[in-house]
N, C-alpha and C. Protein backbone atom coordinates (compact mmCIF):
# COMPACT_ATOMS: atom_id res chain seq x y z
N MET A 1 56.94 -53.74 43.52
CA MET A 1 58.07 -54.37 44.17
C MET A 1 58.91 -53.34 44.94
N ALA A 2 58.95 -52.11 44.45
CA ALA A 2 59.74 -51.07 45.10
C ALA A 2 59.19 -50.74 46.49
N ASP A 3 57.88 -50.87 46.65
CA ASP A 3 57.27 -50.61 47.94
C ASP A 3 57.75 -51.62 48.98
N ARG A 4 57.84 -52.89 48.57
CA ARG A 4 58.34 -53.92 49.49
C ARG A 4 59.83 -53.71 49.80
N ARG A 5 60.59 -53.32 48.80
CA ARG A 5 62.02 -53.10 49.02
C ARG A 5 62.27 -51.94 49.98
N SER A 6 61.52 -50.88 49.83
CA SER A 6 61.72 -49.74 50.73
C SER A 6 61.30 -50.10 52.16
N THR A 7 60.23 -50.87 52.29
CA THR A 7 59.81 -51.32 53.62
C THR A 7 60.87 -52.22 54.23
N MET A 8 61.43 -53.12 53.43
CA MET A 8 62.46 -54.03 53.92
C MET A 8 63.72 -53.25 54.29
N ALA A 9 64.09 -52.26 53.50
CA ALA A 9 65.26 -51.44 53.83
C ALA A 9 65.04 -50.68 55.13
N LEU A 10 63.84 -50.21 55.35
CA LEU A 10 63.52 -49.53 56.59
C LEU A 10 63.62 -50.49 57.78
N PHE A 11 63.07 -51.69 57.64
CA PHE A 11 63.17 -52.69 58.71
C PHE A 11 64.62 -53.09 58.97
N MET A 12 65.42 -53.22 57.92
CA MET A 12 66.83 -53.59 58.10
C MET A 12 67.60 -52.50 58.83
N SER A 13 67.31 -51.25 58.53
CA SER A 13 68.00 -50.17 59.23
C SER A 13 67.59 -50.12 60.70
N PHE A 14 66.32 -50.37 60.99
CA PHE A 14 65.88 -50.44 62.38
C PHE A 14 66.51 -51.64 63.10
N ALA A 15 66.64 -52.75 62.41
CA ALA A 15 67.26 -53.94 63.00
C ALA A 15 68.73 -53.68 63.30
N ALA A 16 69.44 -53.03 62.39
CA ALA A 16 70.85 -52.71 62.62
C ALA A 16 71.00 -51.76 63.80
N ALA A 17 70.13 -50.77 63.88
CA ALA A 17 70.18 -49.84 65.01
C ALA A 17 69.88 -50.55 66.32
N ALA A 18 68.93 -51.49 66.30
CA ALA A 18 68.60 -52.24 67.51
C ALA A 18 69.77 -53.12 67.95
N ILE A 19 70.46 -53.73 67.01
CA ILE A 19 71.61 -54.58 67.36
C ILE A 19 72.74 -53.73 67.94
N ILE A 20 72.98 -52.59 67.36
CA ILE A 20 74.03 -51.70 67.87
C ILE A 20 73.66 -51.21 69.28
N LEU A 21 72.42 -50.81 69.46
CA LEU A 21 71.97 -50.37 70.79
C LEU A 21 72.05 -51.49 71.82
N ALA A 22 71.71 -52.69 71.42
CA ALA A 22 71.79 -53.83 72.34
C ALA A 22 73.24 -54.09 72.74
N ALA A 23 74.15 -54.06 71.78
CA ALA A 23 75.57 -54.30 72.08
C ALA A 23 76.13 -53.21 73.00
N VAL A 24 75.82 -51.96 72.71
CA VAL A 24 76.30 -50.86 73.55
C VAL A 24 75.68 -50.93 74.95
N GLY A 25 74.41 -51.28 75.03
CA GLY A 25 73.75 -51.39 76.32
C GLY A 25 74.32 -52.51 77.17
N ILE A 26 74.54 -53.66 76.57
CA ILE A 26 75.12 -54.77 77.34
C ILE A 26 76.54 -54.45 77.75
N TYR A 27 77.31 -53.84 76.84
CA TYR A 27 78.68 -53.44 77.19
C TYR A 27 78.66 -52.47 78.37
N GLY A 28 77.81 -51.48 78.32
CA GLY A 28 77.74 -50.50 79.40
C GLY A 28 77.30 -51.11 80.72
N LEU A 29 76.31 -51.98 80.67
CA LEU A 29 75.83 -52.62 81.88
C LEU A 29 76.89 -53.50 82.52
N VAL A 30 77.54 -54.32 81.71
CA VAL A 30 78.57 -55.22 82.25
C VAL A 30 79.78 -54.43 82.71
N SER A 31 80.16 -53.41 81.97
CA SER A 31 81.31 -52.58 82.37
C SER A 31 81.04 -51.87 83.69
N TYR A 32 79.85 -51.32 83.85
CA TYR A 32 79.51 -50.67 85.11
C TYR A 32 79.50 -51.67 86.26
N SER A 33 78.93 -52.83 86.02
CA SER A 33 78.89 -53.86 87.06
C SER A 33 80.28 -54.29 87.47
N VAL A 34 81.18 -54.43 86.51
CA VAL A 34 82.56 -54.82 86.81
C VAL A 34 83.26 -53.72 87.61
N SER A 35 83.01 -52.47 87.25
CA SER A 35 83.66 -51.39 87.99
C SER A 35 83.15 -51.31 89.43
N GLN A 36 81.90 -51.66 89.65
CA GLN A 36 81.34 -51.67 91.00
C GLN A 36 81.80 -52.87 91.82
N ARG A 37 82.21 -53.93 91.14
CA ARG A 37 82.59 -55.16 91.81
C ARG A 37 84.11 -55.37 91.81
N GLY A 38 84.87 -54.31 91.70
CA GLY A 38 86.33 -54.43 91.66
C GLY A 38 86.91 -55.07 92.90
N TYR A 39 86.40 -54.70 94.05
CA TYR A 39 86.87 -55.28 95.31
C TYR A 39 86.59 -56.78 95.34
N GLU A 40 85.39 -57.16 94.91
CA GLU A 40 85.03 -58.59 94.87
C GLU A 40 85.96 -59.36 93.96
N MET A 41 86.27 -58.80 92.80
CA MET A 41 87.18 -59.48 91.87
C MET A 41 88.58 -59.61 92.49
N GLY A 42 89.00 -58.58 93.22
CA GLY A 42 90.29 -58.63 93.89
C GLY A 42 90.33 -59.72 94.96
N VAL A 43 89.26 -59.85 95.72
CA VAL A 43 89.18 -60.89 96.74
C VAL A 43 89.18 -62.27 96.09
N ARG A 44 88.41 -62.42 95.03
CA ARG A 44 88.37 -63.71 94.32
C ARG A 44 89.76 -64.09 93.81
N MET A 45 90.47 -63.13 93.23
CA MET A 45 91.80 -63.42 92.71
C MET A 45 92.79 -63.68 93.84
N ALA A 46 92.64 -62.98 94.96
CA ALA A 46 93.52 -63.21 96.10
C ALA A 46 93.30 -64.59 96.72
N LEU A 47 92.08 -65.08 96.61
CA LEU A 47 91.76 -66.40 97.17
C LEU A 47 92.06 -67.55 96.20
N GLY A 48 92.55 -67.21 95.01
CA GLY A 48 92.98 -68.26 94.10
C GLY A 48 92.24 -68.38 92.79
N ALA A 49 91.32 -67.48 92.51
CA ALA A 49 90.62 -67.54 91.23
C ALA A 49 91.58 -67.18 90.11
N THR A 50 91.52 -67.92 89.03
CA THR A 50 92.38 -67.63 87.89
C THR A 50 91.72 -66.56 87.02
N GLN A 51 92.49 -66.07 86.06
CA GLN A 51 91.94 -65.08 85.14
C GLN A 51 90.80 -65.69 84.32
N ALA A 52 90.92 -66.97 84.00
CA ALA A 52 89.86 -67.64 83.25
C ALA A 52 88.57 -67.70 84.06
N ASN A 53 88.68 -67.91 85.37
CA ASN A 53 87.49 -67.92 86.23
C ASN A 53 86.80 -66.57 86.25
N ILE A 54 87.59 -65.50 86.33
CA ILE A 54 87.03 -64.15 86.35
C ILE A 54 86.35 -63.83 85.02
N VAL A 55 87.01 -64.18 83.92
CA VAL A 55 86.42 -63.94 82.59
C VAL A 55 85.12 -64.72 82.45
N ALA A 56 85.13 -65.98 82.85
CA ALA A 56 83.91 -66.79 82.74
C ALA A 56 82.78 -66.24 83.59
N LEU A 57 83.09 -65.77 84.79
CA LEU A 57 82.07 -65.20 85.68
C LEU A 57 81.40 -63.99 85.04
N ILE A 58 82.21 -63.12 84.48
CA ILE A 58 81.66 -61.89 83.90
C ILE A 58 80.95 -62.18 82.58
N LEU A 59 81.48 -63.09 81.78
CA LEU A 59 80.79 -63.44 80.53
C LEU A 59 79.42 -64.06 80.82
N LEU A 60 79.36 -64.92 81.81
CA LEU A 60 78.07 -65.52 82.16
C LEU A 60 77.08 -64.48 82.66
N GLN A 61 77.58 -63.48 83.37
CA GLN A 61 76.70 -62.41 83.83
C GLN A 61 76.11 -61.66 82.63
N GLY A 62 76.93 -61.33 81.66
CA GLY A 62 76.45 -60.64 80.47
C GLY A 62 75.50 -61.49 79.64
N LEU A 63 75.78 -62.79 79.57
CA LEU A 63 74.92 -63.67 78.79
C LEU A 63 73.58 -63.91 79.48
N ARG A 64 73.55 -63.87 80.81
CA ARG A 64 72.27 -64.00 81.51
C ARG A 64 71.33 -62.85 81.15
N VAL A 65 71.88 -61.66 81.11
CA VAL A 65 71.07 -60.49 80.73
C VAL A 65 70.56 -60.66 79.30
N ALA A 66 71.43 -61.12 78.42
CA ALA A 66 71.03 -61.31 77.02
C ALA A 66 70.01 -62.42 76.87
N GLU A 67 70.13 -63.49 77.65
CA GLU A 67 69.17 -64.59 77.56
C GLU A 67 67.76 -64.13 77.94
N VAL A 68 67.67 -63.30 78.95
CA VAL A 68 66.35 -62.79 79.35
C VAL A 68 65.77 -61.94 78.22
N GLY A 69 66.59 -61.07 77.65
CA GLY A 69 66.12 -60.22 76.56
C GLY A 69 65.75 -61.01 75.31
N VAL A 70 66.57 -61.99 74.96
CA VAL A 70 66.29 -62.80 73.78
C VAL A 70 65.03 -63.65 74.01
N GLY A 71 64.89 -64.18 75.21
CA GLY A 71 63.68 -64.96 75.52
C GLY A 71 62.42 -64.14 75.39
N ALA A 72 62.45 -62.93 75.94
CA ALA A 72 61.28 -62.05 75.83
C ALA A 72 61.04 -61.66 74.37
N GLY A 73 62.11 -61.43 73.63
CA GLY A 73 61.97 -61.08 72.22
C GLY A 73 61.41 -62.21 71.38
N VAL A 74 61.84 -63.42 71.64
CA VAL A 74 61.32 -64.57 70.89
C VAL A 74 59.84 -64.77 71.18
N ILE A 75 59.46 -64.64 72.44
CA ILE A 75 58.05 -64.78 72.78
C ILE A 75 57.22 -63.70 72.10
N ALA A 76 57.70 -62.46 72.13
CA ALA A 76 56.98 -61.37 71.47
C ALA A 76 56.92 -61.58 69.96
N ALA A 77 58.02 -62.06 69.37
CA ALA A 77 58.04 -62.30 67.92
C ALA A 77 57.07 -63.40 67.52
N ILE A 78 56.99 -64.45 68.33
CA ILE A 78 56.05 -65.53 68.02
C ILE A 78 54.61 -65.01 68.09
N LEU A 79 54.35 -64.17 69.07
CA LEU A 79 52.99 -63.62 69.20
C LEU A 79 52.64 -62.63 68.08
N LEU A 80 53.64 -61.97 67.52
CA LEU A 80 53.38 -60.94 66.50
C LEU A 80 53.60 -61.42 65.07
N THR A 81 53.84 -62.71 64.86
CA THR A 81 54.14 -63.19 63.51
C THR A 81 52.99 -62.99 62.54
N ARG A 82 51.78 -63.07 63.00
CA ARG A 82 50.65 -62.92 62.07
C ARG A 82 50.57 -61.51 61.49
N PHE A 83 51.06 -60.51 62.24
CA PHE A 83 51.03 -59.15 61.72
C PHE A 83 52.13 -58.91 60.69
N LEU A 84 53.23 -59.63 60.81
CA LEU A 84 54.36 -59.44 59.91
C LEU A 84 54.33 -60.37 58.70
N SER A 85 53.45 -61.33 58.67
CA SER A 85 53.46 -62.32 57.59
C SER A 85 53.21 -61.70 56.23
N SER A 86 52.49 -60.60 56.15
CA SER A 86 52.25 -59.95 54.86
C SER A 86 53.48 -59.22 54.35
N LEU A 87 54.45 -58.93 55.20
CA LEU A 87 55.65 -58.22 54.80
C LEU A 87 56.80 -59.16 54.43
N LEU A 88 56.66 -60.44 54.71
CA LEU A 88 57.75 -61.38 54.45
C LEU A 88 57.63 -61.98 53.06
N TYR A 89 58.79 -62.20 52.45
CA TYR A 89 58.82 -62.79 51.11
C TYR A 89 59.83 -63.93 51.10
N GLY A 90 59.38 -65.11 50.83
CA GLY A 90 60.28 -66.25 50.70
C GLY A 90 60.62 -66.95 52.00
N VAL A 91 60.02 -66.54 53.10
CA VAL A 91 60.26 -67.18 54.38
C VAL A 91 58.96 -67.17 55.18
N ALA A 92 58.72 -68.23 55.90
CA ALA A 92 57.51 -68.31 56.72
C ALA A 92 57.67 -67.43 57.96
N ALA A 93 56.57 -66.97 58.49
CA ALA A 93 56.61 -66.07 59.65
C ALA A 93 57.15 -66.76 60.89
N GLY A 94 56.90 -68.05 61.03
CA GLY A 94 57.38 -68.78 62.20
C GLY A 94 58.53 -69.71 61.87
N ASP A 95 59.39 -69.33 60.96
CA ASP A 95 60.51 -70.16 60.51
C ASP A 95 61.48 -70.42 61.67
N PRO A 96 61.63 -71.68 62.10
CA PRO A 96 62.50 -71.96 63.24
C PRO A 96 63.97 -71.69 62.95
N LEU A 97 64.40 -71.83 61.71
CA LEU A 97 65.79 -71.55 61.36
C LEU A 97 66.11 -70.06 61.54
N THR A 98 65.17 -69.22 61.17
CA THR A 98 65.36 -67.78 61.35
C THR A 98 65.42 -67.42 62.83
N PHE A 99 64.52 -67.98 63.62
CA PHE A 99 64.54 -67.72 65.06
C PHE A 99 65.84 -68.19 65.69
N ALA A 100 66.32 -69.36 65.27
CA ALA A 100 67.58 -69.89 65.82
C ALA A 100 68.77 -69.03 65.39
N ALA A 101 68.78 -68.59 64.15
CA ALA A 101 69.89 -67.77 63.66
C ALA A 101 69.94 -66.42 64.38
N VAL A 102 68.80 -65.80 64.55
CA VAL A 102 68.75 -64.51 65.22
C VAL A 102 69.12 -64.66 66.70
N THR A 103 68.66 -65.72 67.33
CA THR A 103 69.02 -65.97 68.73
C THR A 103 70.51 -66.17 68.87
N GLY A 104 71.10 -66.96 67.98
CA GLY A 104 72.55 -67.16 68.01
C GLY A 104 73.32 -65.88 67.75
N LEU A 105 72.85 -65.07 66.81
CA LEU A 105 73.50 -63.79 66.51
C LEU A 105 73.47 -62.87 67.72
N LEU A 106 72.33 -62.75 68.36
CA LEU A 106 72.22 -61.86 69.51
C LEU A 106 73.03 -62.34 70.71
N LEU A 107 73.06 -63.64 70.94
CA LEU A 107 73.88 -64.16 72.04
C LEU A 107 75.37 -63.99 71.73
N GLY A 108 75.74 -64.12 70.47
CA GLY A 108 77.14 -63.88 70.08
C GLY A 108 77.54 -62.42 70.28
N ILE A 109 76.64 -61.51 69.94
CA ILE A 109 76.91 -60.09 70.14
C ILE A 109 77.02 -59.78 71.63
N ALA A 110 76.17 -60.41 72.43
CA ALA A 110 76.24 -60.20 73.88
C ALA A 110 77.55 -60.73 74.44
N ALA A 111 78.01 -61.86 73.95
CA ALA A 111 79.29 -62.41 74.41
C ALA A 111 80.44 -61.50 74.01
N ALA A 112 80.40 -60.97 72.81
CA ALA A 112 81.45 -60.06 72.37
C ALA A 112 81.43 -58.75 73.17
N ALA A 113 80.23 -58.26 73.47
CA ALA A 113 80.13 -57.02 74.24
C ALA A 113 80.56 -57.22 75.68
N SER A 114 80.43 -58.42 76.20
CA SER A 114 80.85 -58.71 77.58
C SER A 114 82.32 -59.07 77.68
N ALA A 115 82.93 -59.40 76.56
CA ALA A 115 84.32 -59.88 76.58
C ALA A 115 85.31 -58.79 76.99
N VAL A 116 85.09 -57.57 76.54
CA VAL A 116 86.04 -56.49 76.86
C VAL A 116 86.07 -56.18 78.35
N PRO A 117 84.92 -55.97 79.01
CA PRO A 117 84.98 -55.75 80.46
C PRO A 117 85.51 -56.97 81.21
N ALA A 118 85.21 -58.16 80.72
CA ALA A 118 85.69 -59.37 81.39
C ALA A 118 87.21 -59.45 81.31
N TRP A 119 87.76 -59.14 80.16
CA TRP A 119 89.21 -59.17 79.98
C TRP A 119 89.88 -58.11 80.86
N ARG A 120 89.27 -56.91 80.91
CA ARG A 120 89.83 -55.86 81.76
C ARG A 120 89.80 -56.23 83.23
N ALA A 121 88.74 -56.87 83.67
CA ALA A 121 88.64 -57.28 85.08
C ALA A 121 89.66 -58.36 85.40
N ALA A 122 89.91 -59.25 84.46
CA ALA A 122 90.88 -60.32 84.70
C ALA A 122 92.31 -59.79 84.72
N GLN A 123 92.57 -58.68 84.05
CA GLN A 123 93.90 -58.10 84.00
C GLN A 123 94.17 -57.14 85.16
N ALA A 124 93.17 -56.88 85.98
CA ALA A 124 93.31 -55.90 87.07
C ALA A 124 94.32 -56.39 88.10
N ASP A 125 95.01 -55.43 88.68
CA ASP A 125 95.99 -55.73 89.72
C ASP A 125 95.26 -56.00 91.03
N VAL A 126 95.57 -57.12 91.66
CA VAL A 126 94.87 -57.54 92.88
C VAL A 126 95.09 -56.53 94.00
N THR A 127 96.31 -56.08 94.19
CA THR A 127 96.60 -55.18 95.31
C THR A 127 95.91 -53.83 95.13
N LYS A 128 95.85 -53.34 93.91
CA LYS A 128 95.19 -52.05 93.68
C LYS A 128 93.68 -52.17 93.89
N SER A 129 93.10 -53.27 93.46
CA SER A 129 91.65 -53.40 93.64
C SER A 129 91.28 -53.62 95.09
N LEU A 130 92.14 -54.26 95.87
CA LEU A 130 91.84 -54.44 97.29
C LEU A 130 92.07 -53.17 98.10
N ARG A 131 92.98 -52.33 97.67
CA ARG A 131 93.24 -51.07 98.37
C ARG A 131 92.27 -49.97 97.98
N ALA A 132 91.55 -50.14 96.89
CA ALA A 132 90.68 -49.08 96.38
C ALA A 132 89.55 -48.77 97.35
N ASP A 133 89.02 -49.75 98.04
CA ASP A 133 87.88 -49.49 98.94
C ASP A 133 88.39 -49.30 100.29
């Protein structure tokens, strides 16, 4: 039983590292994109976009990136379930509840990682962002 526990602990540590890397990567990508699109955000706000519109625009951008990654991951996981079935205990390899929970967790992390740059972009001063370029 100790052999299975050590393998599971190893997988859990890799999973935690992957989640942290995914959150940092999405945060960095969205933050960089927002910094490059400062003028666009200024024009949108000058033309009447509310802060909620700006936040929603940026959150959707971050979630689109996450949806592509989660979709590719789910497809890869479904294809690789037969190799992992010997390592699982108490859950089926193709358990739909597990797939749904992990998908929800990853999309939630992506939304949280995109929220900070979105909030910063919505709080930006219109005149400063229009004068920057």
